[in-house]
Amino acid sequence: MSEIGGMKAIGADQTFRFACHPAVPCFTECCRMLELALHPYDFILLRRATGLDSPRLFEQFIIEEEQPGLPFPRHYLAMVDDGRASCPFVGANGCGIYPFRPAACRSYPLGRAALFAAGVTEERFVCVREPHCRGFASGAMYRPTEYLAAQGLDEINRCHDAVARFLQRPEMRDFTPKAEEKRLYVLALCQIDLFRARLEAGAFPDFAAADAAASGDDGEFLIRTVAWLERKFFHCRQGASC
């Protein structure tokens, strides 16, 4: 295994021991001094957790940033200004939205990357060992995929992979989205409650009726929306029938 800083590469067949619960001395320390990047399915989870619609969720909890070299805005959870940059949902008893926590919280202490080339998906994993963390001293033994499945990440990662596959398209290297395309990306993938409402109002007639009918399943709807964006941003730009 190779190691950089506190991150160590871990193979799919290697195991690690980990447990996080109130009896662990460092409980909730990983919820502080935190920059938590959010991905499209995380917004679905946060809306379920808070009961907020997208405009209020973005107003209260989301930071949106444009970053050089990236085609679309990145999003982060806004932390509490308490001197420790604490998660707004953490309390003395732990995570207040635990069943709906974002993917990065679920996967900790693992990091996962999915790479796509020639129709093949390659998973890579790292194990993060922060100085404060005592979770490695006890708990069950896991392989990376076992741990991620135990944290409820199979469906979430399926959706995240659809977005990652889109962002890793070869065409993306030379793609500079227009302002309205950036707004559409955020609307369609990060604010799907608003996107559904606009679909129902007839705003996007090129969105297939069968895809719109999948809106009862958030994950399936998100995956179909990614495919629609791919057609719209790449094929339609090249003059194909859309």
C-alpha atoms as a PDB file:
ATOM      1  CA  MET A   1       0.000   0.000   0.000  1.00  0.00           C
ATOM      2  CA  SER A   2       1.223   3.523  -0.823  1.00  0.00           C
ATOM      3  CA  GLU A   3       0.617   6.368   1.606  1.00  0.00           C
ATOM      4  CA  ILE A   4       0.325  10.134   1.128  1.00  0.00           C
ATOM      5  CA  GLY A   5      -0.206  12.185   4.271  1.00  0.00           C
ATOM      6  CA  GLY A   6      -2.955  10.458   6.220  1.00  0.00           C
ATOM      7  CA  MET A   7      -4.329   8.639   3.156  1.00  0.00           C
ATOM      8  CA  LYS A   8      -3.261   5.102   2.356  1.00  0.00           C
ATOM      9  CA  ALA A   9      -4.246   3.276  -0.808  1.00  0.00           C
ATOM     10  CA  ILE A  10      -6.129   0.090  -0.021  1.00  0.00           C
ATOM     11  CA  GLY A  11      -6.871  -2.723  -2.428  1.00  0.00           C
ATOM     12  CA  ALA A  12     -10.346  -4.110  -2.995  1.00  0.00           C
ATOM     13  CA  ASP A  13      -9.369  -7.394  -1.308  1.00  0.00           C
ATOM     14  CA  GLN A  14      -7.581  -5.835   1.669  1.00  0.00           C
ATOM     15  CA  THR A  15      -9.328  -5.449   5.010  1.00  0.00           C
ATOM     16  CA  PHE A  16      -9.419  -2.828   7.728  1.00  0.00           C
ATOM     17  CA  ARG A  17     -11.031  -2.595  11.162  1.00  0.00           C
ATOM     18  CA  PHE A  18     -13.283   0.334  12.001  1.00  0.00           C
ATOM     19  CA  ALA A  19     -16.124   1.392  14.284  1.00  0.00           C
ATOM     20  CA  CYS A  20     -17.643   4.771  15.105  1.00  0.00           C
ATOM     21  CA  HIS A  21     -20.091   5.202  17.989  1.00  0.00           C
ATOM     22  CA  PRO A  22     -20.542   7.368  21.110  1.00  0.00           C
ATOM     23  CA  ALA A  23     -18.140   5.250  23.156  1.00  0.00           C
ATOM     24  CA  VAL A  24     -15.233   6.046  20.831  1.00  0.00           C
ATOM     25  CA  PRO A  25     -13.243   8.908  22.465  1.00  0.00           C
ATOM     26  CA  CYS A  26     -13.115  10.980  19.274  1.00  0.00           C
ATOM     27  CA  PHE A  27     -16.865  10.744  18.604  1.00  0.00           C
ATOM     28  CA  THR A  28     -18.026  13.644  16.319  1.00  0.00           C
ATOM     29  CA  GLU A  29     -14.498  15.066  15.912  1.00  0.00           C
ATOM     30  CA  CYS A  30     -14.640  14.117  12.229  1.00  0.00           C
ATOM     31  CA  CYS A  31     -17.701  16.416  11.970  1.00  0.00           C
ATOM     32  CA  ARG A  32     -15.591  19.502  12.741  1.00  0.00           C
ATOM     33  CA  MET A  33     -12.855  21.488  10.977  1.00  0.00           C
ATOM     34  CA  LEU A  34     -14.527  20.141   7.896  1.00  0.00           C
ATOM     35  CA  GLU A  35     -14.913  21.054   4.234  1.00  0.00           C
ATOM     36  CA  LEU A  36     -17.658  18.737   3.041  1.00  0.00           C
ATOM     37  CA  ALA A  37     -18.102  18.540  -0.726  1.00  0.00           C
ATOM     38  CA  LEU A  38     -21.610  17.601  -1.864  1.00  0.00           C
ATOM     39  CA  HIS A  39     -22.618  15.587  -4.903  1.00  0.00           C
ATOM     40  CA  PRO A  40     -26.018  15.356  -6.636  1.00  0.00           C
ATOM     41  CA  TYR A  41     -27.532  12.517  -4.593  1.00  0.00           C
ATOM     42  CA  ASP A  42     -26.521  14.308  -1.387  1.00  0.00           C
ATOM     43  CA  PHE A  43     -29.077  17.019  -2.152  1.00  0.00           C
ATOM     44  CA  ILE A  44     -31.810  14.389  -2.279  1.00  0.00           C
ATOM     45  CA  LEU A  45     -30.716  13.150   1.149  1.00  0.00           C
ATOM     46  CA  LEU A  46     -30.521  16.653   2.626  1.00  0.00           C
ATOM     47  CA  ARG A  47     -33.993  17.580   1.389  1.00  0.00           C
ATOM     48  CA  ARG A  48     -35.370  14.410   2.979  1.00  0.00           C
ATOM     49  CA  ALA A  49     -33.534  15.214   6.209  1.00  0.00           C
ATOM     50  CA  THR A  50     -34.632  18.829   6.493  1.00  0.00           C
ATOM     51  CA  GLY A  51     -37.993  18.848   4.711  1.00  0.00           C
ATOM     52  CA  LEU A  52     -36.803  21.929   2.818  1.00  0.00           C
ATOM     53  CA  ASP A  53     -37.286  22.604  -0.858  1.00  0.00           C
ATOM     54  CA  SER A  54     -34.211  23.406  -2.933  1.00  0.00           C
ATOM     55  CA  PRO A  55     -34.365  27.227  -2.689  1.00  0.00           C
ATOM     56  CA  ARG A  56     -34.517  27.134   1.119  1.00  0.00           C
ATOM     57  CA  LEU A  57     -31.952  24.342   1.349  1.00  0.00           C
ATOM     58  CA  PHE A  58     -29.491  26.314  -0.768  1.00  0.00           C
ATOM     59  CA  GLU A  59     -30.163  29.492   1.178  1.00  0.00           C
ATOM     60  CA  GLN A  60     -29.604  27.912   4.590  1.00  0.00           C
ATOM     61  CA  PHE A  61     -27.044  25.160   4.095  1.00  0.00           C
ATOM     62  CA  ILE A  62     -25.264  25.234   0.717  1.00  0.00           C
ATOM     63  CA  ILE A  63     -22.206  27.094  -0.560  1.00  0.00           C
ATOM     64  CA  GLU A  64     -21.830  27.204  -4.352  1.00  0.00           C
ATOM     65  CA  GLU A  65     -18.438  27.987  -5.853  1.00  0.00           C
ATOM     66  CA  GLU A  66     -17.000  28.341  -9.336  1.00  0.00           C
ATOM     67  CA  GLN A  67     -13.515  26.822  -9.455  1.00  0.00           C
ATOM     68  CA  PRO A  68     -10.884  27.371 -12.181  1.00  0.00           C
ATOM     69  CA  GLY A  69     -10.522  24.405 -14.489  1.00  0.00           C
ATOM     70  CA  LEU A  70     -13.879  22.866 -13.606  1.00  0.00           C
ATOM     71  CA  PRO A  71     -16.804  23.213 -16.020  1.00  0.00           C
ATOM     72  CA  PHE A  72     -19.590  23.302 -13.443  1.00  0.00           C
ATOM     73  CA  PRO A  73     -20.037  24.803  -9.952  1.00  0.00           C
ATOM     74  CA  ARG A  74     -18.994  22.817  -6.894  1.00  0.00           C
ATOM     75  CA  HIS A  75     -21.110  22.673  -3.754  1.00  0.00           C
ATOM     76  CA  TYR A  76     -20.215  22.440  -0.081  1.00  0.00           C
ATOM     77  CA  LEU A  77     -22.153  22.170   3.149  1.00  0.00           C
ATOM     78  CA  ALA A  78     -22.043  25.493   5.015  1.00  0.00           C
ATOM     79  CA  MET A  79     -20.400  24.949   8.396  1.00  0.00           C
ATOM     80  CA  VAL A  80     -21.285  26.663  11.664  1.00  0.00           C
ATOM     81  CA  ASP A  81     -19.108  29.625  12.626  1.00  0.00           C
ATOM     82  CA  ASP A  82     -18.293  28.264  16.097  1.00  0.00           C
ATOM     83  CA  GLY A  83     -14.507  28.444  15.888  1.00  0.00           C
ATOM     84  CA  ARG A  84     -14.373  24.771  14.913  1.00  0.00           C
ATOM     85  CA  ALA A  85     -16.165  24.825  11.545  1.00  0.00           C
ATOM     86  CA  SER A  86     -18.675  22.265  12.827  1.00  0.00           C
ATOM     87  CA  CYS A  87     -21.292  20.557  10.700  1.00  0.00           C
ATOM     88  CA  PRO A  88     -24.677  22.271  11.210  1.00  0.00           C
ATOM     89  CA  PHE A  89     -26.284  18.905  11.926  1.00  0.00           C
ATOM     90  CA  VAL A  90     -23.914  17.585  14.601  1.00  0.00           C
ATOM     91  CA  GLY A  91     -24.818  17.695  18.288  1.00  0.00           C
ATOM     92  CA  ALA A  92     -23.793  16.150  21.563  1.00  0.00           C
ATOM     93  CA  ASN A  93     -25.511  12.902  20.631  1.00  0.00           C
ATOM     94  CA  GLY A  94     -23.947  12.725  17.186  1.00  0.00           C
ATOM     95  CA  CYS A  95     -25.404  13.323  13.745  1.00  0.00           C
ATOM     96  CA  GLY A  96     -28.912  14.741  13.818  1.00  0.00           C
ATOM     97  CA  ILE A  97     -29.672  13.549  10.274  1.00  0.00           C
ATOM     98  CA  TYR A  98     -27.851  10.224  10.436  1.00  0.00           C
ATOM     99  CA  PRO A  99     -30.224   8.230   8.169  1.00  0.00           C
ATOM    100  CA  PHE A 100     -29.829  10.947   5.511  1.00  0.00           C
ATOM    101  CA  ARG A 101     -26.171  11.875   5.992  1.00  0.00           C
ATOM    102  CA  PRO A 102     -24.185  12.742   2.843  1.00  0.00           C
ATOM    103  CA  ALA A 103     -22.093  10.145   1.033  1.00  0.00           C
ATOM    104  CA  ALA A 104     -18.742  11.484   2.281  1.00  0.00           C
ATOM    105  CA  CYS A 105     -19.924  11.030   5.876  1.00  0.00           C
ATOM    106  CA  ARG A 106     -21.140   7.509   5.160  1.00  0.00           C
ATOM    107  CA  SER A 107     -17.931   6.376   3.505  1.00  0.00           C
ATOM    108  CA  TYR A 108     -15.529   7.768   6.149  1.00  0.00           C
ATOM    109  CA  PRO A 109     -12.779   6.653   6.673  1.00  0.00           C
ATOM    110  CA  LEU A 110     -12.766   5.388   3.098  1.00  0.00           C
ATOM    111  CA  GLY A 111     -12.419   7.429  -0.036  1.00  0.00           C
ATOM    112  CA  ARG A 112     -13.575   5.961  -3.333  1.00  0.00           C
ATOM    113  CA  ALA A 113     -12.890   7.035  -6.900  1.00  0.00           C
ATOM    114  CA  ALA A 114     -14.433   5.540 -10.027  1.00  0.00           C
ATOM    115  CA  LEU A 115     -12.603   5.834 -13.335  1.00  0.00           C
ATOM    116  CA  PHE A 116     -14.250   5.069 -16.659  1.00  0.00           C
ATOM    117  CA  ALA A 117     -12.431   4.120 -19.864  1.00  0.00           C
ATOM    118  CA  ALA A 118     -13.438   1.972 -22.846  1.00  0.00           C
ATOM    119  CA  GLY A 119     -16.605   0.860 -21.099  1.00  0.00           C
ATOM    120  CA  VAL A 120     -14.695  -0.432 -18.067  1.00  0.00           C
ATOM    121  CA  THR A 121     -15.231   0.895 -14.548  1.00  0.00           C
ATOM    122  CA  GLU A 122     -12.209   0.904 -12.247  1.00  0.00           C
ATOM    123  CA  GLU A 123     -12.682   1.487  -8.523  1.00  0.00           C
ATOM    124  CA  ARG A 124      -9.876   2.827  -6.368  1.00  0.00           C
ATOM    125  CA  PHE A 125      -9.940   3.183  -2.602  1.00  0.00           C
ATOM    126  CA  VAL A 126      -7.980   5.054   0.033  1.00  0.00           C
ATOM    127  CA  CYS A 127      -8.198   4.754   3.799  1.00  0.00           C
ATOM    128  CA  VAL A 128      -7.984   8.058   5.678  1.00  0.00           C
ATOM    129  CA  ARG A 129      -6.282   7.976   9.082  1.00  0.00           C
ATOM    130  CA  GLU A 130      -6.592  11.338  10.810  1.00  0.00           C
ATOM    131  CA  PRO A 131      -4.552  11.894  13.991  1.00  0.00           C
ATOM    132  CA  HIS A 132      -7.634  12.302  16.176  1.00  0.00           C
ATOM    133  CA  CYS A 133      -9.471   9.190  14.969  1.00  0.00           C
ATOM    134  CA  ARG A 134      -9.670   6.218  17.363  1.00  0.00           C
ATOM    135  CA  GLY A 135     -12.156   4.256  15.287  1.00  0.00           C
ATOM    136  CA  PHE A 136      -9.512   1.854  14.003  1.00  0.00           C
ATOM    137  CA  ALA A 137      -8.941   0.355  17.459  1.00  0.00           C
ATOM    138  CA  SER A 138     -12.074  -1.804  17.430  1.00  0.00           C
ATOM    139  CA  GLY A 139     -14.972  -2.940  15.315  1.00  0.00           C
ATOM    140  CA  ALA A 140     -15.604  -5.413  12.522  1.00  0.00           C
ATOM    141  CA  MET A 141     -13.202  -6.185   9.710  1.00  0.00           C
ATOM    142  CA  TYR A 142     -14.269  -4.975   6.271  1.00  0.00           C
ATOM    143  CA  ARG A 143     -13.150  -5.012   2.693  1.00  0.00           C
ATOM    144  CA  PRO A 144     -13.804  -1.624   1.066  1.00  0.00           C
ATOM    145  CA  THR A 145     -16.908  -2.695  -0.867  1.00  0.00           C
ATOM    146  CA  GLU A 146     -18.309  -4.452   2.220  1.00  0.00           C
ATOM    147  CA  TYR A 147     -17.923  -1.320   4.304  1.00  0.00           C
ATOM    148  CA  LEU A 148     -19.534   0.910   1.677  1.00  0.00           C
ATOM    149  CA  ALA A 149     -22.471  -1.476   1.308  1.00  0.00           C
ATOM    150  CA  ALA A 150     -22.919  -1.574   5.100  1.00  0.00           C
ATOM    151  CA  GLN A 151     -23.166   2.233   5.088  1.00  0.00           C
ATOM    152  CA  GLY A 152     -25.935   2.233   2.474  1.00  0.00           C
ATOM    153  CA  LEU A 153     -23.792   3.488  -0.383  1.00  0.00           C
ATOM    154  CA  ASP A 154     -24.535   1.019  -3.180  1.00  0.00           C
ATOM    155  CA  GLU A 155     -27.463   2.965  -4.660  1.00  0.00           C
ATOM    156  CA  ILE A 156     -25.867   6.331  -3.889  1.00  0.00           C
ATOM    157  CA  ASN A 157     -22.622   5.364  -5.623  1.00  0.00           C
ATOM    158  CA  ARG A 158     -24.546   4.084  -8.626  1.00  0.00           C
ATOM    159  CA  CYS A 159     -25.951   7.592  -9.024  1.00  0.00           C
ATOM    160  CA  HIS A 160     -22.626   9.272  -8.291  1.00  0.00           C
ATOM    161  CA  ASP A 161     -20.964   7.074 -10.913  1.00  0.00           C
ATOM    162  CA  ALA A 162     -23.464   8.180 -13.545  1.00  0.00           C
ATOM    163  CA  VAL A 163     -22.501  11.795 -12.870  1.00  0.00           C
ATOM    164  CA  ALA A 164     -18.780  10.960 -12.757  1.00  0.00           C
ATOM    165  CA  ARG A 165     -19.011   9.117 -16.073  1.00  0.00           C
ATOM    166  CA  PHE A 166     -20.602  12.229 -17.583  1.00  0.00           C
ATOM    167  CA  LEU A 167     -17.887  14.509 -16.172  1.00  0.00           C
ATOM    168  CA  GLN A 168     -15.142  12.164 -17.411  1.00  0.00           C
ATOM    169  CA  ARG A 169     -16.365  12.115 -21.008  1.00  0.00           C
ATOM    170  CA  PRO A 170     -13.512  12.886 -23.448  1.00  0.00           C
ATOM    171  CA  GLU A 171     -15.526  15.808 -24.833  1.00  0.00           C
ATOM    172  CA  MET A 172     -15.462  17.457 -21.420  1.00  0.00           C
ATOM    173  CA  ARG A 173     -11.786  18.362 -21.866  1.00  0.00           C
ATOM    174  CA  ASP A 174     -12.698  20.956 -24.499  1.00  0.00           C
ATOM    175  CA  PHE A 175     -16.135  21.830 -23.158  1.00  0.00           C
ATOM    176  CA  THR A 176     -16.753  25.341 -21.867  1.00  0.00           C
ATOM    177  CA  PRO A 177     -20.386  25.531 -20.756  1.00  0.00           C
ATOM    178  CA  LYS A 178     -22.392  28.674 -21.231  1.00  0.00           C
ATOM    179  CA  ALA A 179     -23.893  30.368 -18.179  1.00  0.00           C
ATOM    180  CA  GLU A 180     -27.327  28.914 -18.916  1.00  0.00           C
ATOM    181  CA  GLU A 181     -25.820  25.427 -19.234  1.00  0.00           C
ATOM    182  CA  LYS A 182     -24.204  25.765 -15.812  1.00  0.00           C
ATOM    183  CA  ARG A 183     -27.550  26.805 -14.363  1.00  0.00           C
ATOM    184  CA  LEU A 184     -29.245  23.868 -16.064  1.00  0.00           C
ATOM    185  CA  TYR A 185     -26.658  21.442 -14.650  1.00  0.00           C
ATOM    186  CA  VAL A 186     -27.331  22.662 -11.105  1.00  0.00           C
ATOM    187  CA  LEU A 187     -31.098  22.674 -11.617  1.00  0.00           C
ATOM    188  CA  ALA A 188     -31.288  19.208 -13.157  1.00  0.00           C
ATOM    189  CA  LEU A 189     -28.867  17.390 -10.860  1.00  0.00           C
ATOM    190  CA  CYS A 190     -28.855  19.329  -7.579  1.00  0.00           C
ATOM    191  CA  GLN A 191     -32.391  20.760  -7.450  1.00  0.00           C
ATOM    192  CA  ILE A 192     -34.448  17.961  -8.921  1.00  0.00           C
ATOM    193  CA  ASP A 193     -37.609  19.014  -7.095  1.00  0.00           C
ATOM    194  CA  LEU A 194     -37.543  22.281  -9.062  1.00  0.00           C
ATOM    195  CA  PHE A 195     -36.530  20.445 -12.226  1.00  0.00           C
ATOM    196  CA  ARG A 196     -39.500  18.071 -11.891  1.00  0.00           C
ATOM    197  CA  ALA A 197     -41.841  21.024 -11.439  1.00  0.00           C
ATOM    198  CA  ARG A 198     -40.510  22.628 -14.614  1.00  0.00           C
ATOM    199  CA  LEU A 199     -40.857  19.330 -16.480  1.00  0.00           C
ATOM    200  CA  GLU A 200     -44.484  19.112 -15.417  1.00  0.00           C
ATOM    201  CA  ALA A 201     -44.964  22.680 -16.674  1.00  0.00           C
ATOM    202  CA  GLY A 202     -43.621  21.650 -20.080  1.00  0.00           C
ATOM    203  CA  ALA A 203     -40.338  23.561 -19.889  1.00  0.00           C
ATOM    204  CA  PHE A 204     -38.237  20.749 -21.401  1.00  0.00           C
ATOM    205  CA  PRO A 205     -40.221  18.970 -24.138  1.00  0.00           C
ATOM    206  CA  ASP A 206     -37.107  17.059 -25.239  1.00  0.00           C
ATOM    207  CA  PHE A 207     -37.014  15.189 -21.918  1.00  0.00           C
ATOM    208  CA  ALA A 208     -38.556  11.798 -22.734  1.00  0.00           C
ATOM    209  CA  ALA A 209     -41.895  10.998 -21.130  1.00  0.00           C
ATOM    210  CA  ALA A 210     -40.572   7.605 -19.992  1.00  0.00           C
ATOM    211  CA  ASP A 211     -37.692   9.307 -18.202  1.00  0.00           C
ATOM    212  CA  ALA A 212     -40.009  11.813 -16.556  1.00  0.00           C
ATOM    213  CA  ALA A 213     -42.219   8.935 -15.401  1.00  0.00           C
ATOM    214  CA  ALA A 214     -39.261   7.610 -13.390  1.00  0.00           C
ATOM    215  CA  SER A 215     -39.506  10.631 -11.107  1.00  0.00           C
ATOM    216  CA  GLY A 216     -40.991   8.530  -8.300  1.00  0.00           C
ATOM    217  CA  ASP A 217     -37.582   6.902  -7.840  1.00  0.00           C
ATOM    218  CA  ASP A 218     -35.074   9.628  -7.056  1.00  0.00           C
ATOM    219  CA  GLY A 219     -32.023   7.587  -8.002  1.00  0.00           C
ATOM    220  CA  GLU A 220     -33.399   6.333 -11.295  1.00  0.00           C
ATOM    221  CA  PHE A 221     -34.631   9.811 -12.171  1.00  0.00           C
ATOM    222  CA  LEU A 222     -31.190  11.285 -11.472  1.00  0.00           C
ATOM    223  CA  ILE A 223     -29.482   8.726 -13.715  1.00  0.00           C
ATOM    224  CA  ARG A 224     -31.912   9.419 -16.560  1.00  0.00           C
ATOM    225  CA  THR A 225     -31.416  13.144 -16.086  1.00  0.00           C
ATOM    226  CA  VAL A 226     -27.643  12.703 -16.496  1.00  0.00           C
ATOM    227  CA  ALA A 227     -28.247  10.918 -19.802  1.00  0.00           C
ATOM    228  CA  TRP A 228     -30.513  13.775 -20.918  1.00  0.00           C
ATOM    229  CA  LEU A 229     -27.829  16.347 -20.083  1.00  0.00           C
ATOM    230  CA  GLU A 230     -25.291  14.348 -22.081  1.00  0.00           C
ATOM    231  CA  ARG A 231     -27.555  14.456 -25.131  1.00  0.00           C
ATOM    232  CA  LYS A 232     -28.302  18.120 -24.644  1.00  0.00           C
ATOM    233  CA  PHE A 233     -24.744  19.323 -24.032  1.00  0.00           C
ATOM    234  CA  PHE A 234     -22.909  17.162 -26.559  1.00  0.00           C
ATOM    235  CA  HIS A 235     -25.169  15.671 -29.255  1.00  0.00           C
ATOM    236  CA  CYS A 236     -27.470  18.684 -29.621  1.00  0.00           C
ATOM    237  CA  ARG A 237     -24.494  21.040 -29.853  1.00  0.00           C
ATOM    238  CA  GLN A 238     -23.185  18.944 -32.729  1.00  0.00           C
ATOM    239  CA  GLY A 239     -26.389  19.334 -34.692  1.00  0.00           C
ATOM    240  CA  ALA A 240     -27.970  15.973 -33.923  1.00  0.00           C
ATOM    241  CA  SER A 241     -31.732  15.697 -33.661  1.00  0.00           C
ATOM    242  CA  CYS A 242     -32.736  16.280 -30.020  1.00  0.00           C
END
